[in-house]
Amino acid sequence: MSSRAARVKTDAEIGRAVRERLAAQAAANRASGDCLRAEVRAVWEAHPEFTAKQVLKKLTRQPLPSVRRVQEILKELRVR
């Protein structure tokens, strides 16, 4: 029984570690997304007539996001 209790505790510790790692990864993804939205917004505000492909050409980040992702961000910006 004690080995099972130790295993359950270990499973709980592993679960906590996984949740912490996922939370850190989610925070990093949000930060990256916020930076991308800010870059796209800056280009679009300077050139509101630009399409997603034209905005993409002005971005300096590597690797570049997909055209679809830039289109999604522009759609959000135009709704506001």
C-alpha atoms as a PDB file:
ATOM      1  CA  MET A   1       0.000   0.000   0.000  1.00  0.00           C
ATOM      2  CA  SER A   2       2.759   2.451   0.828  1.00  0.00           C
ATOM      3  CA  SER A   3       4.308   2.065  -2.623  1.00  0.00           C
ATOM      4  CA  ARG A   4       0.919   2.883  -4.175  1.00  0.00           C
ATOM      5  CA  ALA A   5       0.594   5.969  -1.963  1.00  0.00           C
ATOM      6  CA  ALA A   6       4.078   7.044  -2.994  1.00  0.00           C
ATOM      7  CA  ARG A   7       3.157   6.538  -6.645  1.00  0.00           C
ATOM      8  CA  VAL A   8      -0.025   8.612  -6.266  1.00  0.00           C
ATOM      9  CA  LYS A   9       1.991  11.373  -4.653  1.00  0.00           C
ATOM     10  CA  THR A  10       4.489  11.198  -7.482  1.00  0.00           C
ATOM     11  CA  ASP A  11       1.654  11.339 -10.018  1.00  0.00           C
ATOM     12  CA  ALA A  12       0.297  14.411  -8.258  1.00  0.00           C
ATOM     13  CA  GLU A  13       3.717  16.032  -8.316  1.00  0.00           C
ATOM     14  CA  ILE A  14       4.090  15.217 -12.005  1.00  0.00           C
ATOM     15  CA  GLY A  15       0.649  16.661 -12.699  1.00  0.00           C
ATOM     16  CA  ARG A  16       1.547  19.876 -10.899  1.00  0.00           C
ATOM     17  CA  ALA A  17       4.821  20.165 -12.815  1.00  0.00           C
ATOM     18  CA  VAL A  18       3.025  19.612 -16.129  1.00  0.00           C
ATOM     19  CA  ARG A  19       0.411  22.269 -15.276  1.00  0.00           C
ATOM     20  CA  GLU A  20       3.145  24.742 -14.337  1.00  0.00           C
ATOM     21  CA  ARG A  21       5.014  24.077 -17.584  1.00  0.00           C
ATOM     22  CA  LEU A  22       1.830  24.453 -19.646  1.00  0.00           C
ATOM     23  CA  ALA A  23       0.968  27.693 -17.860  1.00  0.00           C
ATOM     24  CA  ALA A  24       4.415  29.099 -18.634  1.00  0.00           C
ATOM     25  CA  GLN A  25       4.100  28.026 -22.265  1.00  0.00           C
ATOM     26  CA  ALA A  26       0.646  29.614 -22.546  1.00  0.00           C
ATOM     27  CA  ALA A  27       1.994  32.880 -21.123  1.00  0.00           C
ATOM     28  CA  ALA A  28       4.836  32.856 -23.654  1.00  0.00           C
ATOM     29  CA  ASN A  29       2.380  32.199 -26.490  1.00  0.00           C
ATOM     30  CA  ARG A  30       0.166  35.108 -25.341  1.00  0.00           C
ATOM     31  CA  ALA A  31       3.174  37.415 -25.215  1.00  0.00           C
ATOM     32  CA  SER A  32       4.258  36.366 -28.699  1.00  0.00           C
ATOM     33  CA  GLY A  33       0.732  36.881 -30.026  1.00  0.00           C
ATOM     34  CA  ASP A  34       0.509  40.307 -28.397  1.00  0.00           C
ATOM     35  CA  CYS A  35       3.789  41.338 -30.045  1.00  0.00           C
ATOM     36  CA  LEU A  36       2.572  40.117 -33.437  1.00  0.00           C
ATOM     37  CA  ARG A  37      -0.720  42.014 -33.057  1.00  0.00           C
ATOM     38  CA  ALA A  38       1.194  45.168 -32.146  1.00  0.00           C
ATOM     39  CA  GLU A  39       3.470  44.853 -35.186  1.00  0.00           C
ATOM     40  CA  VAL A  40       0.559  44.203 -37.548  1.00  0.00           C
ATOM     41  CA  ARG A  41      -1.402  47.096 -36.017  1.00  0.00           C
ATOM     42  CA  ALA A  42       1.530  49.484 -36.486  1.00  0.00           C
ATOM     43  CA  VAL A  43       1.927  48.569 -40.156  1.00  0.00           C
ATOM     44  CA  TRP A  44      -1.809  48.666 -40.794  1.00  0.00           C
ATOM     45  CA  GLU A  45      -2.262  52.047 -39.096  1.00  0.00           C
ATOM     46  CA  ALA A  46       0.501  53.477 -41.290  1.00  0.00           C
ATOM     47  CA  HIS A  47      -0.976  51.841 -44.416  1.00  0.00           C
ATOM     48  CA  PRO A  48      -4.702  51.075 -43.935  1.00  0.00           C
ATOM     49  CA  GLU A  49      -5.068  50.186 -47.612  1.00  0.00           C
ATOM     50  CA  PHE A  50      -2.622  47.260 -47.318  1.00  0.00           C
ATOM     51  CA  THR A  51      -3.765  43.677 -47.743  1.00  0.00           C
ATOM     52  CA  ALA A  52      -2.496  40.902 -45.461  1.00  0.00           C
ATOM     53  CA  LYS A  53       0.238  39.968 -47.933  1.00  0.00           C
ATOM     54  CA  GLN A  54       1.457  43.565 -48.103  1.00  0.00           C
ATOM     55  CA  VAL A  55       1.470  43.827 -44.300  1.00  0.00           C
ATOM     56  CA  LEU A  56       3.385  40.546 -44.152  1.00  0.00           C
ATOM     57  CA  LYS A  57       6.109  41.973 -46.394  1.00  0.00           C
ATOM     58  CA  LYS A  58       6.606  44.880 -43.958  1.00  0.00           C
ATOM     59  CA  LEU A  59       6.989  42.666 -40.869  1.00  0.00           C
ATOM     60  CA  THR A  60      10.522  42.165 -39.597  1.00  0.00           C
ATOM     61  CA  ARG A  61      10.037  39.094 -37.404  1.00  0.00           C
ATOM     62  CA  GLN A  62      11.461  35.725 -38.319  1.00  0.00           C
ATOM     63  CA  PRO A  63       9.875  33.334 -38.944  1.00  0.00           C
ATOM     64  CA  LEU A  64       7.050  35.246 -40.554  1.00  0.00           C
ATOM     65  CA  PRO A  65       3.509  34.365 -39.519  1.00  0.00           C
ATOM     66  CA  SER A  66       1.147  32.849 -42.051  1.00  0.00           C
ATOM     67  CA  VAL A  67      -0.992  34.999 -44.308  1.00  0.00           C
ATOM     68  CA  ARG A  68      -4.054  33.506 -42.627  1.00  0.00           C
ATOM     69  CA  ARG A  69      -2.849  34.649 -39.183  1.00  0.00           C
ATOM     70  CA  VAL A  70      -2.253  38.197 -40.454  1.00  0.00           C
ATOM     71  CA  GLN A  71      -5.702  38.152 -42.077  1.00  0.00           C
ATOM     72  CA  GLU A  72      -7.250  37.155 -38.735  1.00  0.00           C
ATOM     73  CA  ILE A  73      -5.495  40.009 -36.953  1.00  0.00           C
ATOM     74  CA  LEU A  74      -6.519  42.531 -39.612  1.00  0.00           C
ATOM     75  CA  LYS A  75     -10.101  41.329 -39.370  1.00  0.00           C
ATOM     76  CA  GLU A  76     -10.034  41.942 -35.599  1.00  0.00           C
ATOM     77  CA  LEU A  77      -8.555  45.409 -36.124  1.00  0.00           C
ATOM     78  CA  ARG A  78     -11.114  46.401 -38.753  1.00  0.00           C
ATOM     79  CA  VAL A  79     -14.007  45.396 -36.499  1.00  0.00           C
ATOM     80  CA  ARG A  80     -12.821  47.752 -33.750  1.00  0.00           C
END
